[in-house]
Structure formats: C-alpha cells, structure tokens
C-alpha cells in the first residue's frame, strides 16, 4: 500500500478522525496563511526547514518563529523531523 504520510507514526492506518487529529497536534504552524511571522508549536527539538514548491531549502531555524515577510506569495512546505506541513505565504 502506498505511504501517503497519513498515519506514518501510527502502528496502522487510523480507523477514526481522532487518531489523525492527535498526530497533527504535535506539530502546529500558525497563522496559516501568514504574511510576517510564522509560529511553530512542537515538542520536537529538531531543525525546522522551509522549502519552496520546487523543493529548494529557503530557510531553517531551531527556534519557534520564522520571519517570512521577505518571501514571495505562494505555497511552501515546513519540515520538522519527518513531519511536513503546508504553509501559505500572502
């Protein structure tokens, strides 16, 4: 079965929406869409990396804030460990 990242950290595919929500709560990005500062809420002590839609690394940090004011509008991906969140910059 293809891996679509849904339930990648779970021992099996979730049978209900509650299992998916708990998995998403350990890596939260807000506000989304953002225009100035992007806040990252996670317990993972890993580097946070922001990639553009082509897959190029734009910036990285070990903190919980990213200044995205100078970035072009578009869709970006924020990666922390093996978790990825879609971020929209306005």
PDB file of N, CA and C in Angstrom:
ATOM      1  N   UNK A   1       0.844  -1.166   0.000  1.00  0.00           N
ATOM      2  CA  UNK A   1       0.000   0.000   0.000  1.00  0.00           C
ATOM      3  C   UNK A   1       0.897   1.240   0.000  1.00  0.00           C
ATOM      4  N   UNK A   2       0.619   2.244  -0.815  1.00  0.00           N
ATOM      5  CA  UNK A   2       1.431   3.462  -0.858  1.00  0.00           C
ATOM      6  C   UNK A   2       1.402   4.197   0.475  1.00  0.00           C
ATOM      7  N   UNK A   3       2.502   4.887   0.787  1.00  0.00           N
ATOM      8  CA  UNK A   3       2.580   5.677   2.014  1.00  0.00           C
ATOM      9  C   UNK A   3       2.213   7.106   1.678  1.00  0.00           C
ATOM     10  N   UNK A   4       1.066   7.555   2.123  1.00  0.00           N
ATOM     11  CA  UNK A   4       0.611   8.920   1.887  1.00  0.00           C
ATOM     12  C   UNK A   4       0.825   9.809   3.106  1.00  0.00           C
ATOM     13  N   UNK A   5       1.696   9.411   4.012  1.00  0.00           N
ATOM     14  CA  UNK A   5       2.032  10.134   5.230  1.00  0.00           C
ATOM     15  C   UNK A   5       0.886  10.189   6.235  1.00  0.00           C
ATOM     16  N   UNK A   6      -0.251   9.655   5.918  1.00  0.00           N
ATOM     17  CA  UNK A   6      -1.365   9.615   6.864  1.00  0.00           C
ATOM     18  C   UNK A   6      -1.147   8.428   7.785  1.00  0.00           C
ATOM     19  N   UNK A   7      -0.914   8.708   9.024  1.00  0.00           N
ATOM     20  CA  UNK A   7      -0.695   7.630   9.971  1.00  0.00           C
ATOM     21  C   UNK A   7       0.695   7.051   9.917  1.00  0.00           C
ATOM     22  N   UNK A   8       1.677   7.798   9.408  1.00  0.00           N
ATOM     23  CA  UNK A   8       3.033   7.280   9.284  1.00  0.00           C
ATOM     24  C   UNK A   8       3.628   6.940  10.638  1.00  0.00           C
ATOM     25  N   UNK A   9       3.247   7.666  11.689  1.00  0.00           N
ATOM     26  CA  UNK A   9       3.781   7.405  13.025  1.00  0.00           C
ATOM     27  C   UNK A   9       2.908   6.443  13.820  1.00  0.00           C
ATOM     28  N   UNK A  10       1.802   6.037  13.253  1.00  0.00           N
ATOM     29  CA  UNK A  10       0.893   5.140  13.941  1.00  0.00           C
ATOM     30  C   UNK A  10       1.210   3.705  13.535  1.00  0.00           C
ATOM     31  N   UNK A  11       0.927   2.733  14.398  1.00  0.00           N
ATOM     32  CA  UNK A  11       1.224   1.340  14.053  1.00  0.00           C
ATOM     33  C   UNK A  11       0.363   0.807  12.911  1.00  0.00           C
ATOM     34  N   UNK A  12      -0.752   1.459  12.609  1.00  0.00           N
ATOM     35  CA  UNK A  12      -1.601   1.040  11.495  1.00  0.00           C
ATOM     36  C   UNK A  12      -2.388   2.253  11.026  1.00  0.00           C
ATOM     37  N   UNK A  13      -3.127   2.111   9.957  1.00  0.00           N
ATOM     38  CA  UNK A  13      -3.945   3.201   9.442  1.00  0.00           C
ATOM     39  C   UNK A  13      -5.041   3.517  10.444  1.00  0.00           C
ATOM     40  N   UNK A  14      -5.304   4.783  10.723  1.00  0.00           N
ATOM     41  CA  UNK A  14      -6.335   5.131  11.698  1.00  0.00           C
ATOM     42  C   UNK A  14      -7.728   4.769  11.200  1.00  0.00           C
ATOM     43  N   UNK A  15      -8.559   4.337  12.129  1.00  0.00           N
ATOM     44  CA  UNK A  15      -9.932   3.988  11.781  1.00  0.00           C
ATOM     45  C   UNK A  15     -10.888   5.143  12.011  1.00  0.00           C
ATOM     46  N   UNK A  16     -10.437   6.163  12.736  1.00  0.00           N
ATOM     47  CA  UNK A  16     -11.289   7.298  13.027  1.00  0.00           C
ATOM     48  C   UNK A  16     -10.516   8.596  12.935  1.00  0.00           C
ATOM     49  N   UNK A  17     -11.231   9.687  12.944  1.00  0.00           N
ATOM     50  CA  UNK A  17     -10.623  11.003  12.800  1.00  0.00           C
ATOM     51  C   UNK A  17      -9.818  11.390  14.040  1.00  0.00           C
ATOM     52  N   UNK A  18     -10.140  10.862  15.232  1.00  0.00           N
ATOM     53  CA  UNK A  18      -9.424  11.217  16.454  1.00  0.00           C
ATOM     54  C   UNK A  18      -7.951  10.838  16.382  1.00  0.00           C
ATOM     55  N   UNK A  19      -7.629   9.703  15.795  1.00  0.00           N
ATOM     56  CA  UNK A  19      -6.236   9.278  15.684  1.00  0.00           C
ATOM     57  C   UNK A  19      -5.445  10.226  14.795  1.00  0.00           C
ATOM     58  N   UNK A  20      -6.057  10.732  13.749  1.00  0.00           N
ATOM     59  CA  UNK A  20      -5.383  11.668  12.853  1.00  0.00           C
ATOM     60  C   UNK A  20      -5.193  13.010  13.551  1.00  0.00           C
ATOM     61  N   UNK A  21      -6.181  13.500  14.282  1.00  0.00           N
ATOM     62  CA  UNK A  21      -6.070  14.782  14.972  1.00  0.00           C
ATOM     63  C   UNK A  21      -4.950  14.759  15.996  1.00  0.00           C
ATOM     64  N   UNK A  22      -4.804  13.696  16.763  1.00  0.00           N
ATOM     65  CA  UNK A  22      -3.731  13.618  17.752  1.00  0.00           C
ATOM     66  C   UNK A  22      -2.376  13.668  17.078  1.00  0.00           C
ATOM     67  N   UNK A  23      -2.243  13.053  15.922  1.00  0.00           N
ATOM     68  CA  UNK A  23      -0.986  13.049  15.185  1.00  0.00           C
ATOM     69  C   UNK A  23      -0.644  14.448  14.687  1.00  0.00           C
ATOM     70  N   UNK A  24      -1.643  15.244  14.287  1.00  0.00           N
ATOM     71  CA  UNK A  24      -1.407  16.575  13.761  1.00  0.00           C
ATOM     72  C   UNK A  24      -1.082  17.579  14.859  1.00  0.00           C
ATOM     73  N   UNK A  25      -1.527  17.338  16.085  1.00  0.00           N
ATOM     74  CA  UNK A  25      -1.368  18.312  17.157  1.00  0.00           C
ATOM     75  C   UNK A  25       0.067  18.421  17.662  1.00  0.00           C
ATOM     76  N   UNK A  26       0.946  17.485  17.354  1.00  0.00           N
ATOM     77  CA  UNK A  26       2.310  17.562  17.850  1.00  0.00           C
ATOM     78  C   UNK A  26       3.210  18.439  16.978  1.00  0.00           C
ATOM     79  N   UNK A  27       2.677  19.004  15.902  1.00  0.00           N
ATOM     80  CA  UNK A  27       3.428  19.913  15.035  1.00  0.00           C
ATOM     81  C   UNK A  27       2.416  20.873  14.409  1.00  0.00           C
ATOM     82  N   UNK A  28       2.272  22.056  15.010  1.00  0.00           N
ATOM     83  CA  UNK A  28       1.266  23.025  14.581  1.00  0.00           C
ATOM     84  C   UNK A  28       1.968  24.273  14.080  1.00  0.00           C
ATOM     85  N   UNK A  29       1.491  24.807  12.953  1.00  0.00           N
ATOM     86  CA  UNK A  29       2.034  26.023  12.359  1.00  0.00           C
ATOM     87  C   UNK A  29       0.901  27.037  12.264  1.00  0.00           C
ATOM     88  N   UNK A  30       1.155  28.257  12.761  1.00  0.00           N
ATOM     89  CA  UNK A  30       0.118  29.284  12.725  1.00  0.00           C
ATOM     90  C   UNK A  30       0.762  30.651  12.660  1.00  0.00           C
ATOM     91  N   UNK A  31       0.119  31.700  12.179  1.00  0.00           N
ATOM     92  CA  UNK A  31      -1.126  31.637  11.407  1.00  0.00           C
ATOM     93  C   UNK A  31      -0.843  31.079  10.017  1.00  0.00           C
ATOM     94  N   UNK A  32      -1.820  30.503   9.444  1.00  0.00           N
ATOM     95  CA  UNK A  32      -1.666  29.932   8.111  1.00  0.00           C
ATOM     96  C   UNK A  32      -2.946  30.214   7.339  1.00  0.00           C
ATOM     97  N   UNK A  33      -2.930  31.159   6.424  1.00  0.00           N
ATOM     98  CA  UNK A  33      -1.799  31.819   5.774  1.00  0.00           C
ATOM     99  C   UNK A  33      -1.127  32.876   6.649  1.00  0.00           C
ATOM    100  N   UNK A  34       0.127  33.144   6.349  1.00  0.00           N
ATOM    101  CA  UNK A  34       0.921  34.113   7.108  1.00  0.00           C
ATOM    102  C   UNK A  34       1.497  35.159   6.161  1.00  0.00           C
ATOM    103  N   UNK A  35       1.850  36.317   6.728  1.00  0.00           N
ATOM    104  CA  UNK A  35       2.464  37.359   5.906  1.00  0.00           C
ATOM    105  C   UNK A  35       3.713  37.944   6.555  1.00  0.00           C
ATOM    106  N   UNK A  36       3.886  37.770   7.866  1.00  0.00           N
ATOM    107  CA  UNK A  36       5.067  38.333   8.539  1.00  0.00           C
ATOM    108  C   UNK A  36       5.815  37.266   9.337  1.00  0.00           C
ATOM    109  N   UNK A  37       5.260  36.847  10.448  1.00  0.00           N
ATOM    110  CA  UNK A  37       5.903  35.861  11.310  1.00  0.00           C
ATOM    111  C   UNK A  37       5.097  34.569  11.304  1.00  0.00           C
ATOM    112  N   UNK A  38       5.780  33.464  11.193  1.00  0.00           N
ATOM    113  CA  UNK A  38       5.177  32.140  11.229  1.00  0.00           C
ATOM    114  C   UNK A  38       5.611  31.484  12.533  1.00  0.00           C
ATOM    115  N   UNK A  39       4.656  31.073  13.346  1.00  0.00           N
ATOM    116  CA  UNK A  39       4.945  30.457  14.640  1.00  0.00           C
ATOM    117  C   UNK A  39       4.818  28.944  14.531  1.00  0.00           C
ATOM    118  N   UNK A  40       5.726  28.254  15.188  1.00  0.00           N
ATOM    119  CA  UNK A  40       5.769  26.795  15.136  1.00  0.00           C
ATOM    120  C   UNK A  40       5.619  26.266  16.555  1.00  0.00           C
ATOM    121  N   UNK A  41       4.629  25.422  16.761  1.00  0.00           N
ATOM    122  CA  UNK A  41       4.413  24.807  18.067  1.00  0.00           C
ATOM    123  C   UNK A  41       4.701  23.316  17.944  1.00  0.00           C
ATOM    124  N   UNK A  42       5.790  22.874  18.564  1.00  0.00           N
ATOM    125  CA  UNK A  42       6.160  21.472  18.519  1.00  0.00           C
ATOM    126  C   UNK A  42       7.045  21.129  19.703  1.00  0.00           C
ATOM    127  N   UNK A  43       6.999  19.889  20.112  1.00  0.00           N
ATOM    128  CA  UNK A  43       7.881  19.403  21.168  1.00  0.00           C
ATOM    129  C   UNK A  43       9.140  18.773  20.583  1.00  0.00           C
ATOM    130  N   UNK A  44       9.201  18.674  19.264  1.00  0.00           N
ATOM    131  CA  UNK A  44      10.360  18.083  18.607  1.00  0.00           C
ATOM    132  C   UNK A  44      11.523  19.067  18.640  1.00  0.00           C
ATOM    133  N   UNK A  45      12.655  18.654  19.131  1.00  0.00           N
ATOM    134  CA  UNK A  45      13.836  19.506  19.181  1.00  0.00           C
ATOM    135  C   UNK A  45      14.688  19.275  17.944  1.00  0.00           C
ATOM    136  N   UNK A  46      14.117  19.545  16.814  1.00  0.00           N
ATOM    137  CA  UNK A  46      14.789  19.358  15.531  1.00  0.00           C
ATOM    138  C   UNK A  46      14.830  20.678  14.783  1.00  0.00           C
ATOM    139  N   UNK A  47      15.625  20.725  13.741  1.00  0.00           N
ATOM    140  CA  UNK A  47      15.696  21.904  12.889  1.00  0.00           C
ATOM    141  C   UNK A  47      14.401  21.999  12.088  1.00  0.00           C
ATOM    142  N   UNK A  48      13.864  23.213  11.992  1.00  0.00           N
ATOM    143  CA  UNK A  48      12.682  23.459  11.173  1.00  0.00           C
ATOM    144  C   UNK A  48      13.161  24.027   9.845  1.00  0.00           C
ATOM    145  N   UNK A  49      12.750  23.416   8.733  1.00  0.00           N
ATOM    146  CA  UNK A  49      13.206  23.822   7.402  1.00  0.00           C
ATOM    147  C   UNK A  49      12.018  24.220   6.544  1.00  0.00           C
ATOM    148  N   UNK A  50      12.153  25.365   5.854  1.00  0.00           N
ATOM    149  CA  UNK A  50      11.109  25.853   4.962  1.00  0.00           C
ATOM    150  C   UNK A  50      11.570  25.667   3.525  1.00  0.00           C
ATOM    151  N   UNK A  51      10.756  24.968   2.733  1.00  0.00           N
ATOM    152  CA  UNK A  51      11.063  24.679   1.337  1.00  0.00           C
ATOM    153  C   UNK A  51      10.042  25.354   0.433  1.00  0.00           C
ATOM    154  N   UNK A  52      10.482  25.762  -0.758  1.00  0.00           N
ATOM    155  CA  UNK A  52       9.541  26.312  -1.730  1.00  0.00           C
ATOM    156  C   UNK A  52       8.883  25.169  -2.489  1.00  0.00           C
ATOM    157  N   UNK A  53       8.027  25.497  -3.448  1.00  0.00           N
ATOM    158  CA  UNK A  53       7.264  24.474  -4.173  1.00  0.00           C
ATOM    159  C   UNK A  53       8.129  23.637  -5.102  1.00  0.00           C
ATOM    160  N   UNK A  54       9.359  24.073  -5.368  1.00  0.00           N
ATOM    161  CA  UNK A  54      10.278  23.320  -6.220  1.00  0.00           C
ATOM    162  C   UNK A  54      11.153  22.384  -5.389  1.00  0.00           C
ATOM    163  N   UNK A  55      11.118  22.556  -4.068  1.00  0.00           N
ATOM    164  CA  UNK A  55      11.896  21.709  -3.186  1.00  0.00           C
ATOM    165  C   UNK A  55      13.210  22.311  -2.734  1.00  0.00           C
ATOM    166  N   UNK A  56      13.419  23.590  -3.016  1.00  0.00           N
ATOM    167  CA  UNK A  56      14.646  24.261  -2.587  1.00  0.00           C
ATOM    168  C   UNK A  56      14.499  24.718  -1.139  1.00  0.00           C
ATOM    169  N   UNK A  57      15.557  24.523  -0.352  1.00  0.00           N
ATOM    170  CA  UNK A  57      15.561  24.985   1.025  1.00  0.00           C
ATOM    171  C   UNK A  57      15.649  26.503   1.034  1.00  0.00           C
ATOM    172  N   UNK A  58      14.668  27.165   1.651  1.00  0.00           N
ATOM    173  CA  UNK A  58      14.609  28.617   1.707  1.00  0.00           C
ATOM    174  C   UNK A  58      15.257  29.130   2.987  1.00  0.00           C
ATOM    175  N   UNK A  59      14.882  28.538   4.125  1.00  0.00           N
ATOM    176  CA  UNK A  59      15.477  28.939   5.406  1.00  0.00           C
ATOM    177  C   UNK A  59      15.294  27.817   6.409  1.00  0.00           C
ATOM    178  N   UNK A  60      16.104  27.862   7.462  1.00  0.00           N
ATOM    179  CA  UNK A  60      15.980  26.884   8.534  1.00  0.00           C
ATOM    180  C   UNK A  60      16.251  27.569   9.863  1.00  0.00           C
ATOM    181  N   UNK A  61      15.710  26.994  10.927  1.00  0.00           N
ATOM    182  CA  UNK A  61      15.878  27.536  12.262  1.00  0.00           C
ATOM    183  C   UNK A  61      15.688  26.428  13.278  1.00  0.00           C
ATOM    184  N   UNK A  62      16.220  26.640  14.464  1.00  0.00           N
ATOM    185  CA  UNK A  62      15.939  25.740  15.575  1.00  0.00           C
ATOM    186  C   UNK A  62      14.942  26.382  16.535  1.00  0.00           C
ATOM    187  N   UNK A  63      14.568  27.629  16.250  1.00  0.00           N
ATOM    188  CA  UNK A  63      13.596  28.341  17.072  1.00  0.00           C
ATOM    189  C   UNK A  63      12.174  28.023  16.672  1.00  0.00           C
ATOM    190  N   UNK A  64      11.246  28.735  17.299  1.00  0.00           N
ATOM    191  CA  UNK A  64       9.828  28.501  17.041  1.00  0.00           C
ATOM    192  C   UNK A  64       9.175  29.622  16.251  1.00  0.00           C
ATOM    193  N   UNK A  65       9.986  30.473  15.602  1.00  0.00           N
ATOM    194  CA  UNK A  65       9.460  31.550  14.769  1.00  0.00           C
ATOM    195  C   UNK A  65      10.266  31.638  13.474  1.00  0.00           C
ATOM    196  N   UNK A  66       9.557  31.936  12.396  1.00  0.00           N
ATOM    197  CA  UNK A  66      10.194  32.190  11.106  1.00  0.00           C
ATOM    198  C   UNK A  66       9.686  33.524  10.580  1.00  0.00           C
ATOM    199  N   UNK A  67      10.594  34.407  10.189  1.00  0.00           N
ATOM    200  CA  UNK A  67      10.205  35.675   9.589  1.00  0.00           C
ATOM    201  C   UNK A  67      10.042  35.447   8.088  1.00  0.00           C
ATOM    202  N   UNK A  68       8.808  35.465   7.620  1.00  0.00           N
ATOM    203  CA  UNK A  68       8.509  35.186   6.215  1.00  0.00           C
ATOM    204  C   UNK A  68       8.111  36.448   5.457  1.00  0.00           C
ATOM    205  N   UNK A  69       8.363  37.620   6.050  1.00  0.00           N
ATOM    206  CA  UNK A  69       7.942  38.886   5.445  1.00  0.00           C
ATOM    207  C   UNK A  69       8.602  39.123   4.089  1.00  0.00           C
ATOM    208  N   UNK A  70       9.815  38.666   3.886  1.00  0.00           N
ATOM    209  CA  UNK A  70      10.518  38.908   2.632  1.00  0.00           C
ATOM    210  C   UNK A  70      10.286  37.862   1.553  1.00  0.00           C
ATOM    211  N   UNK A  71       9.447  36.880   1.820  1.00  0.00           N
ATOM    212  CA  UNK A  71       9.217  35.805   0.846  1.00  0.00           C
ATOM    213  C   UNK A  71       8.097  36.157  -0.131  1.00  0.00           C
ATOM    214  N   UNK A  72       8.180  35.588  -1.312  1.00  0.00           N
ATOM    215  CA  UNK A  72       7.130  35.762  -2.317  1.00  0.00           C
ATOM    216  C   UNK A  72       5.878  35.007  -1.889  1.00  0.00           C
ATOM    217  N   UNK A  73       4.740  35.485  -2.370  1.00  0.00           N
ATOM    218  CA  UNK A  73       3.485  34.795  -2.083  1.00  0.00           C
ATOM    219  C   UNK A  73       3.517  33.419  -2.717  1.00  0.00           C
ATOM    220  N   UNK A  74       2.938  32.453  -2.030  1.00  0.00           N
ATOM    221  CA  UNK A  74       2.875  31.114  -2.586  1.00  0.00           C
ATOM    222  C   UNK A  74       2.730  30.057  -1.517  1.00  0.00           C
ATOM    223  N   UNK A  75       2.872  28.818  -1.959  1.00  0.00           N
ATOM    224  CA  UNK A  75       2.750  27.663  -1.085  1.00  0.00           C
ATOM    225  C   UNK A  75       4.146  27.138  -0.781  1.00  0.00           C
ATOM    226  N   UNK A  76       4.412  26.914   0.493  1.00  0.00           N
ATOM    227  CA  UNK A  76       5.694  26.413   0.958  1.00  0.00           C
ATOM    228  C   UNK A  76       5.450  25.180   1.826  1.00  0.00           C
ATOM    229  N   UNK A  77       6.504  24.428   2.085  1.00  0.00           N
ATOM    230  CA  UNK A  77       6.425  23.274   2.976  1.00  0.00           C
ATOM    231  C   UNK A  77       7.371  23.482   4.135  1.00  0.00           C
ATOM    232  N   UNK A  78       6.869  23.289   5.344  1.00  0.00           N
ATOM    233  CA  UNK A  78       7.679  23.392   6.550  1.00  0.00           C
ATOM    234  C   UNK A  78       7.903  21.983   7.074  1.00  0.00           C
ATOM    235  N   UNK A  79       9.180  21.617   7.233  1.00  0.00           N
ATOM    236  CA  UNK A  79       9.533  20.263   7.650  1.00  0.00           C
ATOM    237  C   UNK A  79      10.205  20.314   9.011  1.00  0.00           C
ATOM    238  N   UNK A  80       9.777  19.433   9.894  1.00  0.00           N
ATOM    239  CA  UNK A  80      10.398  19.267  11.197  1.00  0.00           C
ATOM    240  C   UNK A  80      10.481  17.768  11.450  1.00  0.00           C
ATOM    241  N   UNK A  81      11.694  17.239  11.488  1.00  0.00           N
ATOM    242  CA  UNK A  81      11.916  15.808  11.611  1.00  0.00           C
ATOM    243  C   UNK A  81      11.307  15.140  10.369  1.00  0.00           C
ATOM    244  N   UNK A  82      10.397  14.203  10.530  1.00  0.00           N
ATOM    245  CA  UNK A  82       9.771  13.563   9.368  1.00  0.00           C
ATOM    246  C   UNK A  82       8.354  14.073   9.131  1.00  0.00           C
ATOM    247  N   UNK A  83       7.990  15.171   9.789  1.00  0.00           N
ATOM    248  CA  UNK A  83       6.648  15.747   9.638  1.00  0.00           C
ATOM    249  C   UNK A  83       6.704  16.981   8.744  1.00  0.00           C
ATOM    250  N   UNK A  84       5.703  17.131   7.891  1.00  0.00           N
ATOM    251  CA  UNK A  84       5.653  18.231   6.934  1.00  0.00           C
ATOM    252  C   UNK A  84       4.283  18.890   7.019  1.00  0.00           C
ATOM    253  N   UNK A  85       4.296  20.230   7.007  1.00  0.00           N
ATOM    254  CA  UNK A  85       3.056  20.994   6.982  1.00  0.00           C
ATOM    255  C   UNK A  85       3.097  21.972   5.820  1.00  0.00           C
ATOM    256  N   UNK A  86       1.968  22.114   5.130  1.00  0.00           N
ATOM    257  CA  UNK A  86       1.843  23.084   4.041  1.00  0.00           C
ATOM    258  C   UNK A  86       1.618  24.462   4.640  1.00  0.00           C
ATOM    259  N   UNK A  87       2.351  25.462   4.136  1.00  0.00           N
ATOM    260  CA  UNK A  87       2.247  26.824   4.629  1.00  0.00           C
ATOM    261  C   UNK A  87       1.961  27.732   3.447  1.00  0.00           C
ATOM    262  N   UNK A  88       1.027  28.662   3.620  1.00  0.00           N
ATOM    263  CA  UNK A  88       0.703  29.617   2.572  1.00  0.00           C
ATOM    264  C   UNK A  88       1.199  30.981   3.022  1.00  0.00           C
ATOM    265  N   UNK A  89       1.997  31.621   2.155  1.00  0.00           N
ATOM    266  CA  UNK A  89       2.530  32.952   2.424  1.00  0.00           C
ATOM    267  C   UNK A  89       1.772  33.944   1.552  1.00  0.00           C
ATOM    268  N   UNK A  90       1.225  34.977   2.198  1.00  0.00           N
ATOM    269  CA  UNK A  90       0.479  36.016   1.455  1.00  0.00           C
ATOM    270  C   UNK A  90       1.292  37.271   1.330  1.00  0.00           C
TER     271      UNK A  90
END
